[in-house]
Amino acid sequence: MFKKNIVFVFIFFFFCGPLKADGPEQVREIDLGRISGEEIVTREIVLDQRVETAVALCECLSFKISESGEKSVLSISFDPAGYSGETRQELIALSNDIKIRIVLRAQVD
C-alpha cells in the first residue's frame, strides 16, 4: 500500500506540480454521507472552467471528464472497498487558469 501511495504522489507532482504550483486554487467539497463499503458511489460536479487534465490521489477514485461549452462535467466514482469509518479522498483538476481541489468525504459502514 505504501508503494502505491508513493507512485500516486510522484505522478501527481510530476504531471501537475509544475503546471500550477503558484496559481490560484479552488476547493470543492462533496459529502457522500453514510455509504456502504460494498457499493461504488458516483457523483457529478459541474465546473465553470474547461478542465485540461485531472489526477486522482487514490486508486479508489476514478473519473471521467466531459465538456459542455466552456464548462466541464466531472463524473467521479469512489470505491470504498477496504475503507471503514470516516474517509477523505482528493482529486485535482487543472484548467488553463486555476487548480481545483475536489475533496470527497464519506462515512463508510
Protein backbone atom coordinates (compact mmCIF):
# COMPACT_ATOMS: atom_id res chain seq x y z
CA MET A 1 0.00 0.00 0.00
CA PHE A 2 2.85 2.41 0.84
CA LYS A 3 4.49 1.88 -2.56
CA LYS A 4 1.20 2.56 -4.37
CA ASN A 5 0.79 5.85 -2.49
CA ILE A 6 4.33 6.88 -3.38
CA VAL A 7 3.61 6.18 -7.05
CA PHE A 8 0.47 8.35 -6.96
CA VAL A 9 2.28 11.20 -5.23
CA PHE A 10 5.10 11.00 -7.77
CA ILE A 11 2.68 11.00 -10.71
CA PHE A 12 0.76 13.93 -9.24
CA PHE A 13 3.82 16.12 -8.70
CA PHE A 14 5.46 15.08 -11.95
CA PHE A 15 2.46 15.94 -14.12
CA CYS A 16 0.58 18.55 -12.08
CA GLY A 17 3.01 20.15 -9.67
CA PRO A 18 4.98 22.24 -12.17
CA LEU A 19 1.87 23.31 -14.06
CA LYS A 20 0.04 25.19 -11.33
CA ALA A 21 2.31 25.33 -8.31
CA ASP A 22 1.84 29.07 -7.75
CA GLY A 23 -1.55 29.65 -9.41
CA PRO A 24 -4.90 30.20 -7.77
CA GLU A 25 -6.63 27.24 -6.17
CA GLN A 26 -10.29 26.48 -5.64
CA VAL A 27 -11.60 23.82 -3.24
CA ARG A 28 -14.88 22.00 -3.87
CA GLU A 29 -16.21 19.53 -1.32
CA ILE A 30 -18.57 16.64 -1.93
CA ASP A 31 -20.12 14.96 1.09
CA LEU A 32 -21.16 11.43 0.16
CA GLY A 33 -22.73 10.94 3.58
CA ARG A 34 -23.09 7.44 5.02
CA ILE A 35 -22.32 4.79 2.39
CA SER A 36 -21.92 1.02 2.24
CA GLY A 37 -18.41 -0.34 1.90
CA GLU A 38 -19.67 -2.67 -0.83
CA GLU A 39 -21.05 -0.19 -3.39
CA ILE A 40 -19.24 2.19 -5.71
CA VAL A 41 -20.69 5.70 -5.37
CA THR A 42 -20.70 8.16 -8.29
CA ARG A 43 -21.34 11.90 -8.24
CA GLU A 44 -21.14 14.55 -10.95
CA ILE A 45 -19.74 18.01 -10.43
CA VAL A 46 -20.02 20.88 -12.91
CA LEU A 47 -17.05 23.22 -13.11
CA ASP A 48 -17.17 26.68 -14.70
CA GLN A 49 -13.80 26.06 -16.35
CA ARG A 50 -12.70 23.70 -19.09
CA VAL A 51 -10.57 21.05 -17.38
CA GLU A 52 -7.36 20.16 -19.21
CA THR A 53 -6.36 17.24 -17.01
CA ALA A 54 -7.10 15.68 -13.64
CA VAL A 55 -5.33 13.37 -11.22
CA ALA A 56 -6.91 11.14 -8.59
CA LEU A 57 -4.77 10.91 -5.46
CA CYS A 58 -6.03 7.42 -4.65
CA GLU A 59 -6.67 4.20 -6.58
CA CYS A 60 -10.13 4.22 -5.01
CA LEU A 61 -11.17 7.18 -7.21
CA SER A 62 -11.90 7.11 -10.91
CA PHE A 63 -13.26 9.91 -13.05
CA LYS A 64 -14.46 10.89 -16.49
CA ILE A 65 -14.29 14.41 -17.92
CA SER A 66 -16.87 15.67 -20.40
CA GLU A 67 -17.25 19.18 -21.74
CA SER A 68 -20.30 21.32 -22.25
CA GLY A 69 -19.39 24.63 -23.89
CA GLU A 70 -16.96 26.45 -21.62
CA LYS A 71 -17.78 24.18 -18.67
CA SER A 72 -16.59 20.72 -17.67
CA VAL A 73 -18.53 17.94 -16.03
CA LEU A 74 -16.55 15.51 -13.87
CA SER A 75 -18.14 12.19 -13.10
CA ILE A 76 -16.27 10.93 -10.02
CA SER A 77 -16.60 7.39 -8.66
CA PHE A 78 -15.40 6.27 -5.24
CA ASP A 79 -14.85 2.57 -4.49
CA PRO A 80 -14.94 2.26 -0.68
CA ALA A 81 -13.73 -1.36 -0.59
CA GLY A 82 -11.23 -1.68 2.25
CA TYR A 83 -12.30 1.55 3.98
CA SER A 84 -14.35 1.95 7.14
CA GLY A 85 -15.31 4.94 9.21
CA GLU A 86 -14.67 8.50 8.11
CA THR A 87 -12.62 8.87 4.95
CA ARG A 88 -11.46 11.77 2.82
CA GLN A 89 -10.15 11.41 -0.72
CA GLU A 90 -8.96 14.05 -3.19
CA LEU A 91 -8.84 14.66 -6.91
CA ILE A 92 -7.02 17.57 -8.53
CA ALA A 93 -8.41 19.10 -11.74
CA LEU A 94 -6.39 21.63 -13.74
CA SER A 95 -7.74 24.24 -16.11
CA ASN A 96 -5.76 26.83 -18.00
CA ASP A 97 -6.05 29.34 -15.16
CA ILE A 98 -6.83 27.54 -11.89
CA LYS A 99 -6.19 24.38 -9.87
CA ILE A 100 -9.37 22.82 -8.48
CA ARG A 101 -9.03 20.50 -5.47
CA ILE A 102 -12.08 18.26 -5.17
CA VAL A 103 -12.46 16.67 -1.73
CA LEU A 104 -14.81 13.73 -1.23
CA ARG A 105 -15.86 12.87 2.30
CA ALA A 106 -17.78 9.77 3.38
CA GLN A 107 -18.73 7.70 6.39
CA VAL A 108 -18.16 4.12 5.25
CA ASP A 109 -20.18 1.41 7.04
